[in-house]
Amino acid sequence: MEKNQLQLFADSNLSETKNINICEKYDQNERVIFCNDDVFNVIKEIPDRSVKLIITSPPYNIGKEYENSTNLTDYLNLQEKLIEELVRILQEDGSLCWQVGNYVKKGELFPLDLYFYPIFKDKFNLKLRNRIIWYFGHGLHTSKRFSGRYETVLWFTKSDNYTFNLDPVRIPAKYPGKRHYKGAKKGQISGNPQGKNPADIWEIMAQEWETGLMDIPNVKSNHCEKTDHPCQFPIELIERFVLALTDENEIIFDPFAGVASSLIAGIKHNRKVIGTEKEEKYYLIAKQRILDYSQGILKIRPLGKQVYQPTGKEKIVQIPEEWK
């Protein structure tokens, strides 16, 4: 069994270190398992009801270099076979988060979350807790329809008994001094000192303090976490789910791990992680990112940091002379 010995920092303060292995084959005794293999070869080794959180963004079937473009029906049938295995390994109190965008064919848009919902609900009886809209202000522009600026995360649970830790992901209240104006609690503070429950729209353009929206940019060319992967998760997006839906030392699994954003989010918060990535190019990038994190040199956008807002004085935001 191949292993890479790393010195991994125990928390985001990077103040303490501990030894950890990247195990390249499934081993239930390891804390970090990351396989350069097809997910179907690995998942069969994972025991029933052993994973607390499954979180991933599956290939979108749109012909990127790491995808095999096929018709939508065949694509969904293949994903259904994987989902059956994912449901098998998910704990009864676990959660499954499925992040998808839109499939576009000849200019026609197919919202993938609408196609996946009946698979999860009708065929596997999972319960949808939130349909989270992750909105971002920058992306590809289109000429024959409005530019796409959102993706969705379907959060399912296997049962009604599931983990939901709200306090670690609360956001500042807009009116922290608000009080009850009538009833038995009249005059008492009505909010929670730790903040309020975020909305189910996670927007990157708004100030969290003002709107109650989670402020998370997508990973584009100027993002500090950017790699060569074309569809990269921001680590802080995964951190929200890790903190809310799992406890320390529980297992997180990403079947399409890419450059390991999900794994790093789990490691950062002292969870056990399992990931698979069949493309060697991205697998090697991912392993280096984990190593860089262990050495305290990986650039990570801090959880909850607000997106830069121009003042209006910058030349780039001013109307060019040619347009006047």
C-alpha atoms as a PDB file:
ATOM      1  CA  MET A   1       0.000   0.000   0.000  1.00  0.00           C
ATOM      2  CA  GLU A   2       1.467   3.324  -1.077  1.00  0.00           C
ATOM      3  CA  LYS A   3       1.477   6.198   1.392  1.00  0.00           C
ATOM      4  CA  ASN A   4       2.836   9.721   1.424  1.00  0.00           C
ATOM      5  CA  GLN A   5       4.015  10.785   4.858  1.00  0.00           C
ATOM      6  CA  LEU A   6       3.077  14.388   5.579  1.00  0.00           C
ATOM      7  CA  GLN A   7       3.301  16.803   8.459  1.00  0.00           C
ATOM      8  CA  LEU A   8      -0.238  18.127   8.695  1.00  0.00           C
ATOM      9  CA  PHE A   9      -1.270  21.103  10.769  1.00  0.00           C
ATOM     10  CA  ALA A  10      -4.001  20.235  13.220  1.00  0.00           C
ATOM     11  CA  ASP A  11      -6.072  23.354  12.681  1.00  0.00           C
ATOM     12  CA  SER A  12      -6.390  26.517  10.625  1.00  0.00           C
ATOM     13  CA  ASN A  13      -4.064  28.398  12.972  1.00  0.00           C
ATOM     14  CA  LEU A  14      -1.203  26.247  11.672  1.00  0.00           C
ATOM     15  CA  SER A  15       0.292  26.254  15.135  1.00  0.00           C
ATOM     16  CA  GLU A  16       0.503  22.510  15.843  1.00  0.00           C
ATOM     17  CA  THR A  17       1.555  19.629  13.606  1.00  0.00           C
ATOM     18  CA  LYS A  18       0.835  15.925  13.567  1.00  0.00           C
ATOM     19  CA  ASN A  19       1.812  13.046  11.336  1.00  0.00           C
ATOM     20  CA  ILE A  20      -0.712  11.851   8.786  1.00  0.00           C
ATOM     21  CA  ASN A  21      -0.671   9.557   5.780  1.00  0.00           C
ATOM     22  CA  ILE A  22      -2.250  10.024   2.383  1.00  0.00           C
ATOM     23  CA  CYS A  23      -3.349   6.460   1.800  1.00  0.00           C
ATOM     24  CA  GLU A  24      -3.838   5.664  -1.875  1.00  0.00           C
ATOM     25  CA  LYS A  25      -6.110   2.662  -1.352  1.00  0.00           C
ATOM     26  CA  TYR A  26      -9.104   2.281   0.916  1.00  0.00           C
ATOM     27  CA  ASP A  27      -8.147   1.432   4.493  1.00  0.00           C
ATOM     28  CA  GLN A  28     -10.685   1.992   7.254  1.00  0.00           C
ATOM     29  CA  ASN A  29      -7.894   2.755   9.736  1.00  0.00           C
ATOM     30  CA  GLU A  30      -6.576   5.779   7.799  1.00  0.00           C
ATOM     31  CA  ARG A  31      -7.694   9.389   8.226  1.00  0.00           C
ATOM     32  CA  VAL A  32      -6.867  10.602   4.706  1.00  0.00           C
ATOM     33  CA  ILE A  33      -7.637   8.273   1.795  1.00  0.00           C
ATOM     34  CA  PHE A  34      -7.177   9.649  -1.707  1.00  0.00           C
ATOM     35  CA  CYS A  35      -7.224   7.301  -4.683  1.00  0.00           C
ATOM     36  CA  ASN A  36      -6.221   7.933  -8.293  1.00  0.00           C
ATOM     37  CA  ASP A  37      -8.887   5.563  -9.550  1.00  0.00           C
ATOM     38  CA  ASP A  38     -12.414   5.327 -10.871  1.00  0.00           C
ATOM     39  CA  VAL A  39     -14.926   5.788  -8.075  1.00  0.00           C
ATOM     40  CA  PHE A  40     -16.650   2.456  -8.830  1.00  0.00           C
ATOM     41  CA  ASN A  41     -13.396   0.603  -8.114  1.00  0.00           C
ATOM     42  CA  VAL A  42     -13.034   2.258  -4.715  1.00  0.00           C
ATOM     43  CA  ILE A  43     -16.564   2.575  -3.396  1.00  0.00           C
ATOM     44  CA  LYS A  44     -17.116  -1.191  -3.382  1.00  0.00           C
ATOM     45  CA  GLU A  45     -14.502  -1.373  -0.606  1.00  0.00           C
ATOM     46  CA  ILE A  46     -16.300   1.150   1.619  1.00  0.00           C
ATOM     47  CA  PRO A  47     -18.560  -0.506   4.233  1.00  0.00           C
ATOM     48  CA  ASP A  48     -22.314   0.049   4.463  1.00  0.00           C
ATOM     49  CA  ARG A  49     -23.470   3.050   6.521  1.00  0.00           C
ATOM     50  CA  SER A  50     -19.928   4.233   7.310  1.00  0.00           C
ATOM     51  CA  VAL A  51     -19.802   7.770   5.808  1.00  0.00           C
ATOM     52  CA  LYS A  52     -21.372  10.796   7.505  1.00  0.00           C
ATOM     53  CA  LEU A  53     -21.214  13.311   4.644  1.00  0.00           C
ATOM     54  CA  ILE A  54     -21.002  12.734   0.907  1.00  0.00           C
ATOM     55  CA  ILE A  55     -20.357  15.960  -0.953  1.00  0.00           C
ATOM     56  CA  THR A  56     -19.377  16.348  -4.575  1.00  0.00           C
ATOM     57  CA  SER A  57     -19.931  17.978  -7.926  1.00  0.00           C
ATOM     58  CA  PRO A  58     -20.371  15.225 -10.530  1.00  0.00           C
ATOM     59  CA  PRO A  59     -19.207  15.663 -14.135  1.00  0.00           C
ATOM     60  CA  TYR A  60     -21.782  17.684 -16.062  1.00  0.00           C
ATOM     61  CA  ASN A  61     -21.661  15.640 -19.275  1.00  0.00           C
ATOM     62  CA  ILE A  62     -20.675  18.705 -21.302  1.00  0.00           C
ATOM     63  CA  GLY A  63     -17.470  17.479 -22.914  1.00  0.00           C
ATOM     64  CA  LYS A  64     -14.699  18.921 -20.732  1.00  0.00           C
ATOM     65  CA  GLU A  65     -11.348  17.188 -21.093  1.00  0.00           C
ATOM     66  CA  TYR A  66     -12.081  14.873 -18.159  1.00  0.00           C
ATOM     67  CA  GLU A  67     -15.633  13.998 -19.279  1.00  0.00           C
ATOM     68  CA  ASN A  68     -17.120  11.712 -21.890  1.00  0.00           C
ATOM     69  CA  SER A  69     -19.949  13.622 -23.506  1.00  0.00           C
ATOM     70  CA  THR A  70     -23.004  11.431 -23.978  1.00  0.00           C
ATOM     71  CA  ASN A  71     -26.758  11.836 -24.151  1.00  0.00           C
ATOM     72  CA  LEU A  72     -28.549  12.995 -21.048  1.00  0.00           C
ATOM     73  CA  THR A  73     -30.432   9.749 -20.432  1.00  0.00           C
ATOM     74  CA  ASP A  74     -27.287   7.613 -20.467  1.00  0.00           C
ATOM     75  CA  TYR A  75     -25.535  10.147 -18.268  1.00  0.00           C
ATOM     76  CA  LEU A  76     -28.286  10.049 -15.645  1.00  0.00           C
ATOM     77  CA  ASN A  77     -28.429   6.253 -15.738  1.00  0.00           C
ATOM     78  CA  LEU A  78     -24.706   6.053 -14.985  1.00  0.00           C
ATOM     79  CA  GLN A  79     -25.016   8.562 -12.165  1.00  0.00           C
ATOM     80  CA  GLU A  80     -27.944   6.587 -10.748  1.00  0.00           C
ATOM     81  CA  LYS A  81     -25.739   3.505 -10.427  1.00  0.00           C
ATOM     82  CA  LEU A  82     -23.255   5.551  -8.419  1.00  0.00           C
ATOM     83  CA  ILE A  83     -25.968   7.138  -6.282  1.00  0.00           C
ATOM     84  CA  GLU A  84     -27.176   3.671  -5.323  1.00  0.00           C
ATOM     85  CA  GLU A  85     -23.722   2.921  -3.941  1.00  0.00           C
ATOM     86  CA  LEU A  86     -23.523   6.307  -2.220  1.00  0.00           C
ATOM     87  CA  VAL A  87     -26.815   5.667  -0.441  1.00  0.00           C
ATOM     88  CA  ARG A  88     -25.471   2.291   0.652  1.00  0.00           C
ATOM     89  CA  ILE A  89     -22.399   3.758   2.374  1.00  0.00           C
ATOM     90  CA  LEU A  90     -24.224   6.760   3.899  1.00  0.00           C
ATOM     91  CA  GLN A  91     -24.969   6.620   7.613  1.00  0.00           C
ATOM     92  CA  GLU A  92     -28.600   6.741   8.710  1.00  0.00           C
ATOM     93  CA  ASP A  93     -27.980  10.171  10.256  1.00  0.00           C
ATOM     94  CA  GLY A  94     -25.800  11.304   7.339  1.00  0.00           C
ATOM     95  CA  SER A  95     -26.164  13.876   4.584  1.00  0.00           C
ATOM     96  CA  LEU A  96     -25.550  13.872   0.844  1.00  0.00           C
ATOM     97  CA  CYS A  97     -24.829  17.176  -0.935  1.00  0.00           C
ATOM     98  CA  TRP A  98     -24.981  17.116  -4.740  1.00  0.00           C
ATOM     99  CA  GLN A  99     -23.740  20.282  -6.453  1.00  0.00           C
ATOM    100  CA  VAL A 100     -24.750  20.702 -10.092  1.00  0.00           C
ATOM    101  CA  GLY A 101     -25.224  23.332 -12.764  1.00  0.00           C
ATOM    102  CA  ASN A 102     -26.883  23.104 -16.154  1.00  0.00           C
ATOM    103  CA  TYR A 103     -26.381  20.806 -19.126  1.00  0.00           C
ATOM    104  CA  VAL A 104     -26.478  22.752 -22.402  1.00  0.00           C
ATOM    105  CA  LYS A 105     -27.006  21.118 -25.786  1.00  0.00           C
ATOM    106  CA  LYS A 106     -27.346  23.117 -28.994  1.00  0.00           C
ATOM    107  CA  GLY A 107     -28.212  26.206 -26.987  1.00  0.00           C
ATOM    108  CA  GLU A 108     -30.933  24.481 -24.973  1.00  0.00           C
ATOM    109  CA  LEU A 109     -30.507  24.419 -21.198  1.00  0.00           C
ATOM    110  CA  PHE A 110     -31.332  21.428 -18.996  1.00  0.00           C
ATOM    111  CA  PRO A 111     -31.223  22.214 -15.219  1.00  0.00           C
ATOM    112  CA  LEU A 112     -29.559  19.107 -13.814  1.00  0.00           C
ATOM    113  CA  ASP A 113     -30.919  19.439 -10.292  1.00  0.00           C
ATOM    114  CA  LEU A 114     -34.439  18.946 -11.647  1.00  0.00           C
ATOM    115  CA  TYR A 115     -33.349  15.692 -13.278  1.00  0.00           C
ATOM    116  CA  PHE A 116     -31.470  14.443 -10.230  1.00  0.00           C
ATOM    117  CA  TYR A 117     -34.186  15.186  -7.664  1.00  0.00           C
ATOM    118  CA  PRO A 118     -36.519  12.302  -8.674  1.00  0.00           C
ATOM    119  CA  ILE A 119     -33.567   9.906  -8.631  1.00  0.00           C
ATOM    120  CA  PHE A 120     -32.713  10.783  -5.034  1.00  0.00           C
ATOM    121  CA  LYS A 121     -36.322  11.092  -3.857  1.00  0.00           C
ATOM    122  CA  ASP A 122     -38.363   8.559  -5.793  1.00  0.00           C
ATOM    123  CA  LYS A 123     -35.787   5.818  -6.267  1.00  0.00           C
ATOM    124  CA  PHE A 124     -33.786   6.075  -3.045  1.00  0.00           C
ATOM    125  CA  ASN A 125     -36.219   7.844  -0.682  1.00  0.00           C
ATOM    126  CA  LEU A 126     -33.785  10.529   0.436  1.00  0.00           C
ATOM    127  CA  LYS A 127     -35.244  13.660   2.006  1.00  0.00           C
ATOM    128  CA  LEU A 128     -34.421  17.085   0.559  1.00  0.00           C
ATOM    129  CA  ARG A 129     -33.594  19.567   3.329  1.00  0.00           C
ATOM    130  CA  ASN A 130     -32.432  22.517   1.226  1.00  0.00           C
ATOM    131  CA  ARG A 131     -31.980  23.464  -2.383  1.00  0.00           C
ATOM    132  CA  ILE A 132     -29.150  25.942  -1.954  1.00  0.00           C
ATOM    133  CA  ILE A 133     -28.563  28.434  -4.740  1.00  0.00           C
ATOM    134  CA  TRP A 134     -24.891  29.328  -5.039  1.00  0.00           C
ATOM    135  CA  TYR A 135     -24.807  32.590  -6.981  1.00  0.00           C
ATOM    136  CA  PHE A 136     -21.608  34.083  -8.340  1.00  0.00           C
ATOM    137  CA  GLY A 137     -21.068  37.354 -10.151  1.00  0.00           C
ATOM    138  CA  HIS A 138     -18.457  36.260 -12.663  1.00  0.00           C
ATOM    139  CA  GLY A 139     -18.341  33.488 -15.259  1.00  0.00           C
ATOM    140  CA  LEU A 140     -18.705  32.743 -18.944  1.00  0.00           C
ATOM    141  CA  HIS A 141     -20.709  35.198 -21.039  1.00  0.00           C
ATOM    142  CA  THR A 142     -23.270  34.093 -23.603  1.00  0.00           C
ATOM    143  CA  SER A 143     -24.727  35.835 -26.638  1.00  0.00           C
ATOM    144  CA  LYS A 144     -28.033  34.008 -27.236  1.00  0.00           C
ATOM    145  CA  ARG A 145     -29.318  33.794 -23.654  1.00  0.00           C
ATOM    146  CA  PHE A 146     -28.627  35.453 -20.325  1.00  0.00           C
ATOM    147  CA  SER A 147     -25.248  34.603 -18.781  1.00  0.00           C
ATOM    148  CA  GLY A 148     -25.409  31.779 -16.238  1.00  0.00           C
ATOM    149  CA  ARG A 149     -24.476  32.933 -12.747  1.00  0.00           C
ATOM    150  CA  TYR A 150     -25.604  30.206 -10.376  1.00  0.00           C
ATOM    151  CA  GLU A 151     -25.368  26.532  -9.506  1.00  0.00           C
ATOM    152  CA  THR A 152     -27.367  24.527  -7.002  1.00  0.00           C
ATOM    153  CA  VAL A 153     -26.547  22.243  -4.104  1.00  0.00           C
ATOM    154  CA  LEU A 154     -29.170  19.643  -3.264  1.00  0.00           C
ATOM    155  CA  TRP A 155     -28.819  18.693   0.414  1.00  0.00           C
ATOM    156  CA  PHE A 156     -30.445  15.356   1.161  1.00  0.00           C
ATOM    157  CA  THR A 157     -30.587  13.310   4.346  1.00  0.00           C
ATOM    158  CA  LYS A 158     -31.177   9.604   4.697  1.00  0.00           C
ATOM    159  CA  SER A 159     -33.581   9.968   7.628  1.00  0.00           C
ATOM    160  CA  ASP A 160     -35.243  12.538   9.869  1.00  0.00           C
ATOM    161  CA  ASN A 161     -32.508  12.019  12.439  1.00  0.00           C
ATOM    162  CA  TYR A 162     -29.543  13.941  11.027  1.00  0.00           C
ATOM    163  CA  THR A 163     -26.758  16.228  12.213  1.00  0.00           C
ATOM    164  CA  PHE A 164     -27.241  19.959  11.755  1.00  0.00           C
ATOM    165  CA  ASN A 165     -24.837  22.192  13.670  1.00  0.00           C
ATOM    166  CA  LEU A 166     -26.139  25.700  13.094  1.00  0.00           C
ATOM    167  CA  ASP A 167     -23.895  27.653  15.470  1.00  0.00           C
ATOM    168  CA  PRO A 168     -20.595  27.167  13.556  1.00  0.00           C
ATOM    169  CA  VAL A 169     -22.099  28.637  10.374  1.00  0.00           C
ATOM    170  CA  ARG A 170     -24.206  31.460  11.774  1.00  0.00           C
ATOM    171  CA  ILE A 171     -23.707  34.907  10.239  1.00  0.00           C
ATOM    172  CA  PRO A 172     -23.931  38.338  11.890  1.00  0.00           C
ATOM    173  CA  ALA A 173     -27.449  39.598  12.500  1.00  0.00           C
ATOM    174  CA  LYS A 174     -28.518  42.742  10.657  1.00  0.00           C
ATOM    175  CA  TYR A 175     -30.195  44.105  13.799  1.00  0.00           C
ATOM    176  CA  PRO A 176     -28.458  42.480  16.794  1.00  0.00           C
ATOM    177  CA  GLY A 177     -30.179  44.888  19.172  1.00  0.00           C
ATOM    178  CA  LYS A 178     -33.699  43.918  18.118  1.00  0.00           C
ATOM    179  CA  ARG A 179     -36.043  43.043  21.015  1.00  0.00           C
ATOM    180  CA  HIS A 180     -39.368  41.271  21.408  1.00  0.00           C
ATOM    181  CA  TYR A 181     -42.090  43.919  21.299  1.00  0.00           C
ATOM    182  CA  LYS A 182     -44.902  41.906  22.930  1.00  0.00           C
ATOM    183  CA  GLY A 183     -45.689  38.725  24.823  1.00  0.00           C
ATOM    184  CA  ALA A 184     -43.912  37.085  27.727  1.00  0.00           C
ATOM    185  CA  LYS A 185     -40.474  38.022  26.332  1.00  0.00           C
ATOM    186  CA  LYS A 186     -41.311  41.676  25.688  1.00  0.00           C
ATOM    187  CA  GLY A 187     -38.190  43.811  25.984  1.00  0.00           C
ATOM    188  CA  GLN A 188     -35.778  40.881  25.782  1.00  0.00           C
ATOM    189  CA  ILE A 189     -33.238  40.535  22.988  1.00  0.00           C
ATOM    190  CA  SER A 190     -34.891  38.459  20.247  1.00  0.00           C
ATOM    191  CA  GLY A 191     -31.809  37.303  18.357  1.00  0.00           C
ATOM    192  CA  ASN A 192     -29.000  34.882  19.040  1.00  0.00           C
ATOM    193  CA  PRO A 193     -25.670  36.350  20.248  1.00  0.00           C
ATOM    194  CA  GLN A 194     -23.825  34.018  17.868  1.00  0.00           C
ATOM    195  CA  GLY A 195     -25.695  35.355  14.829  1.00  0.00           C
ATOM    196  CA  LYS A 196     -28.553  34.203  12.644  1.00  0.00           C
ATOM    197  CA  ASN A 197     -29.317  31.291  10.358  1.00  0.00           C
ATOM    198  CA  PRO A 198     -28.019  31.980   6.815  1.00  0.00           C
ATOM    199  CA  ALA A 199     -30.377  32.070   3.857  1.00  0.00           C
ATOM    200  CA  ASP A 200     -30.472  29.287   1.277  1.00  0.00           C
ATOM    201  CA  ILE A 201     -29.049  31.628  -1.366  1.00  0.00           C
ATOM    202  CA  TRP A 202     -25.277  31.842  -1.071  1.00  0.00           C
ATOM    203  CA  GLU A 203     -24.393  34.955  -3.026  1.00  0.00           C
ATOM    204  CA  ILE A 204     -20.955  36.366  -3.703  1.00  0.00           C
ATOM    205  CA  MET A 205     -21.880  39.958  -4.494  1.00  0.00           C
ATOM    206  CA  ALA A 206     -23.696  40.958  -1.311  1.00  0.00           C
ATOM    207  CA  GLN A 207     -22.286  41.932   2.057  1.00  0.00           C
ATOM    208  CA  GLU A 208     -23.090  39.158   4.538  1.00  0.00           C
ATOM    209  CA  TRP A 209     -23.663  41.685   7.296  1.00  0.00           C
ATOM    210  CA  GLU A 210     -26.353  43.463   5.344  1.00  0.00           C
ATOM    211  CA  THR A 211     -28.151  40.606   3.634  1.00  0.00           C
ATOM    212  CA  GLY A 212     -27.644  37.408   5.572  1.00  0.00           C
ATOM    213  CA  LEU A 213     -26.304  35.675   2.470  1.00  0.00           C
ATOM    214  CA  MET A 214     -23.188  33.540   2.482  1.00  0.00           C
ATOM    215  CA  ASP A 215     -20.482  35.368   0.550  1.00  0.00           C
ATOM    216  CA  ILE A 216     -18.524  32.838  -1.542  1.00  0.00           C
ATOM    217  CA  PRO A 217     -16.857  33.605  -4.906  1.00  0.00           C
ATOM    218  CA  ASN A 218     -16.331  30.951  -7.557  1.00  0.00           C
ATOM    219  CA  VAL A 219     -12.743  29.963  -8.321  1.00  0.00           C
ATOM    220  CA  LYS A 220     -11.718  31.948 -11.396  1.00  0.00           C
ATOM    221  CA  SER A 221      -8.382  33.290 -12.625  1.00  0.00           C
ATOM    222  CA  ASN A 222      -7.917  35.877  -9.871  1.00  0.00           C
ATOM    223  CA  HIS A 223      -8.975  33.600  -7.002  1.00  0.00           C
ATOM    224  CA  CYS A 224      -6.129  32.752  -4.633  1.00  0.00           C
ATOM    225  CA  GLU A 225      -6.979  29.035  -4.785  1.00  0.00           C
ATOM    226  CA  LYS A 226      -7.035  28.745  -8.591  1.00  0.00           C
ATOM    227  CA  THR A 227      -5.416  25.683 -10.208  1.00  0.00           C
ATOM    228  CA  ASP A 228      -5.622  24.214 -13.730  1.00  0.00           C
ATOM    229  CA  HIS A 229      -8.898  22.479 -12.924  1.00  0.00           C
ATOM    230  CA  PRO A 230     -11.746  24.108 -14.917  1.00  0.00           C
ATOM    231  CA  CYS A 231     -14.504  23.485 -12.333  1.00  0.00           C
ATOM    232  CA  GLN A 232     -12.857  23.940  -8.964  1.00  0.00           C
ATOM    233  CA  PHE A 233     -14.729  24.060  -5.644  1.00  0.00           C
ATOM    234  CA  PRO A 234     -13.863  26.984  -3.355  1.00  0.00           C
ATOM    235  CA  ILE A 235     -12.760  25.419  -0.073  1.00  0.00           C
ATOM    236  CA  GLU A 236     -14.965  27.706   1.998  1.00  0.00           C
ATOM    237  CA  LEU A 237     -18.079  26.435   0.196  1.00  0.00           C
ATOM    238  CA  ILE A 238     -17.321  22.943   1.472  1.00  0.00           C
ATOM    239  CA  GLU A 239     -16.343  24.193   4.923  1.00  0.00           C
ATOM    240  CA  ARG A 240     -19.908  25.382   5.535  1.00  0.00           C
ATOM    241  CA  PHE A 241     -21.254  21.876   4.953  1.00  0.00           C
ATOM    242  CA  VAL A 242     -18.448  20.199   6.898  1.00  0.00           C
ATOM    243  CA  LEU A 243     -19.109  22.332   9.966  1.00  0.00           C
ATOM    244  CA  ALA A 244     -22.890  22.134   9.780  1.00  0.00           C
ATOM    245  CA  LEU A 245     -23.415  18.487   8.834  1.00  0.00           C
ATOM    246  CA  THR A 246     -20.594  16.604  10.566  1.00  0.00           C
ATOM    247  CA  ASP A 247     -18.748  16.438  13.875  1.00  0.00           C
ATOM    248  CA  GLU A 248     -15.029  15.972  14.444  1.00  0.00           C
ATOM    249  CA  ASN A 249     -13.540  12.619  13.400  1.00  0.00           C
ATOM    250  CA  GLU A 250     -16.518  11.688  11.232  1.00  0.00           C
ATOM    251  CA  ILE A 251     -15.992  10.625   7.617  1.00  0.00           C
ATOM    252  CA  ILE A 252     -16.459  12.798   4.516  1.00  0.00           C
ATOM    253  CA  PHE A 253     -16.406  11.294   1.028  1.00  0.00           C
ATOM    254  CA  ASP A 254     -16.015  13.054  -2.326  1.00  0.00           C
ATOM    255  CA  PRO A 255     -16.327  10.625  -5.271  1.00  0.00           C
ATOM    256  CA  PHE A 256     -15.195  13.277  -7.791  1.00  0.00           C
ATOM    257  CA  ALA A 257     -12.544  14.988  -5.699  1.00  0.00           C
ATOM    258  CA  GLY A 258     -10.838  17.020  -8.433  1.00  0.00           C
ATOM    259  CA  VAL A 259      -8.086  19.064  -6.817  1.00  0.00           C
ATOM    260  CA  ALA A 260      -9.110  18.049  -3.289  1.00  0.00           C
ATOM    261  CA  SER A 261     -10.986  21.119  -2.066  1.00  0.00           C
ATOM    262  CA  SER A 262     -13.427  18.872  -0.182  1.00  0.00           C
ATOM    263  CA  LEU A 263     -10.609  16.861   1.356  1.00  0.00           C
ATOM    264  CA  ILE A 264      -8.750  19.965   2.500  1.00  0.00           C
ATOM    265  CA  ALA A 265     -11.934  21.403   4.019  1.00  0.00           C
ATOM    266  CA  GLY A 266     -12.404  18.186   5.965  1.00  0.00           C
ATOM    267  CA  ILE A 267      -8.774  17.921   7.067  1.00  0.00           C
ATOM    268  CA  LYS A 268      -8.822  21.551   8.168  1.00  0.00           C
ATOM    269  CA  HIS A 269     -11.664  20.801  10.587  1.00  0.00           C
ATOM    270  CA  ASN A 270     -10.333  17.482  11.887  1.00  0.00           C
ATOM    271  CA  ARG A 271     -12.560  15.132   9.894  1.00  0.00           C
ATOM    272  CA  LYS A 272     -11.598  11.881   8.239  1.00  0.00           C
ATOM    273  CA  VAL A 273     -11.718  12.134   4.454  1.00  0.00           C
ATOM    274  CA  ILE A 274     -12.001   9.817   1.464  1.00  0.00           C
ATOM    275  CA  GLY A 275     -11.681  10.989  -2.116  1.00  0.00           C
ATOM    276  CA  THR A 276     -11.342   9.537  -5.594  1.00  0.00           C
ATOM    277  CA  GLU A 277     -10.066  11.283  -8.724  1.00  0.00           C
ATOM    278  CA  LYS A 278      -9.429   9.274 -11.883  1.00  0.00           C
ATOM    279  CA  GLU A 279      -7.597  12.003 -13.844  1.00  0.00           C
ATOM    280  CA  GLU A 280      -3.918  11.768 -12.899  1.00  0.00           C
ATOM    281  CA  LYS A 281      -3.268  15.400 -13.807  1.00  0.00           C
ATOM    282  CA  TYR A 282      -5.707  16.691 -11.204  1.00  0.00           C
ATOM    283  CA  TYR A 283      -4.820  13.980  -8.719  1.00  0.00           C
ATOM    284  CA  LEU A 284      -1.197  15.129  -8.650  1.00  0.00           C
ATOM    285  CA  ILE A 285      -2.245  18.765  -8.267  1.00  0.00           C
ATOM    286  CA  ALA A 286      -4.523  17.734  -5.411  1.00  0.00           C
ATOM    287  CA  LYS A 287      -1.804  15.844  -3.567  1.00  0.00           C
ATOM    288  CA  GLN A 288       0.481  18.864  -3.849  1.00  0.00           C
ATOM    289  CA  ARG A 289      -2.258  21.106  -2.466  1.00  0.00           C
ATOM    290  CA  ILE A 290      -2.643  18.837   0.561  1.00  0.00           C
ATOM    291  CA  LEU A 291       1.135  18.915   1.045  1.00  0.00           C
ATOM    292  CA  ASP A 292       1.162  22.708   0.738  1.00  0.00           C
ATOM    293  CA  TYR A 293      -1.631  22.935   3.293  1.00  0.00           C
ATOM    294  CA  SER A 294       0.348  20.737   5.658  1.00  0.00           C
ATOM    295  CA  GLN A 295       3.283  23.133   5.359  1.00  0.00           C
ATOM    296  CA  GLY A 296       1.145  26.197   5.890  1.00  0.00           C
ATOM    297  CA  ILE A 297       1.783  27.604   2.406  1.00  0.00           C
ATOM    298  CA  LEU A 298      -1.474  26.805   0.610  1.00  0.00           C
ATOM    299  CA  LYS A 299      -3.391  29.958  -0.197  1.00  0.00           C
ATOM    300  CA  ILE A 300      -6.945  29.602   1.098  1.00  0.00           C
ATOM    301  CA  ARG A 301      -9.622  32.245   1.046  1.00  0.00           C
ATOM    302  CA  PRO A 302     -10.645  32.668   4.707  1.00  0.00           C
ATOM    303  CA  LEU A 303     -14.074  31.386   5.676  1.00  0.00           C
ATOM    304  CA  GLY A 304     -16.538  34.279   5.716  1.00  0.00           C
ATOM    305  CA  LYS A 305     -14.244  36.846   4.115  1.00  0.00           C
ATOM    306  CA  GLN A 306     -16.245  39.424   2.190  1.00  0.00           C
ATOM    307  CA  VAL A 307     -15.716  39.795  -1.530  1.00  0.00           C
ATOM    308  CA  TYR A 308     -13.783  42.888  -2.585  1.00  0.00           C
ATOM    309  CA  GLN A 309     -16.053  45.783  -3.475  1.00  0.00           C
ATOM    310  CA  PRO A 310     -14.574  48.552  -5.672  1.00  0.00           C
ATOM    311  CA  THR A 311     -14.756  52.106  -4.351  1.00  0.00           C
ATOM    312  CA  GLY A 312     -15.595  53.588  -7.754  1.00  0.00           C
ATOM    313  CA  LYS A 313     -12.261  55.365  -8.014  1.00  0.00           C
ATOM    314  CA  GLU A 314     -10.484  52.474  -9.727  1.00  0.00           C
ATOM    315  CA  LYS A 315      -9.865  53.015 -13.449  1.00  0.00           C
ATOM    316  CA  ILE A 316     -11.266  49.607 -14.334  1.00  0.00           C
ATOM    317  CA  VAL A 317     -14.749  50.471 -13.001  1.00  0.00           C
ATOM    318  CA  GLN A 318     -14.960  53.841 -14.722  1.00  0.00           C
ATOM    319  CA  ILE A 319     -16.665  54.319 -18.087  1.00  0.00           C
ATOM    320  CA  PRO A 320     -13.960  54.368 -20.791  1.00  0.00           C
ATOM    321  CA  GLU A 321     -13.619  57.454 -22.967  1.00  0.00           C
ATOM    322  CA  GLU A 322     -14.474  55.404 -26.078  1.00  0.00           C
ATOM    323  CA  TRP A 323     -17.987  54.776 -24.708  1.00  0.00           C
ATOM    324  CA  LYS A 324     -18.788  58.391 -23.936  1.00  0.00           C
END
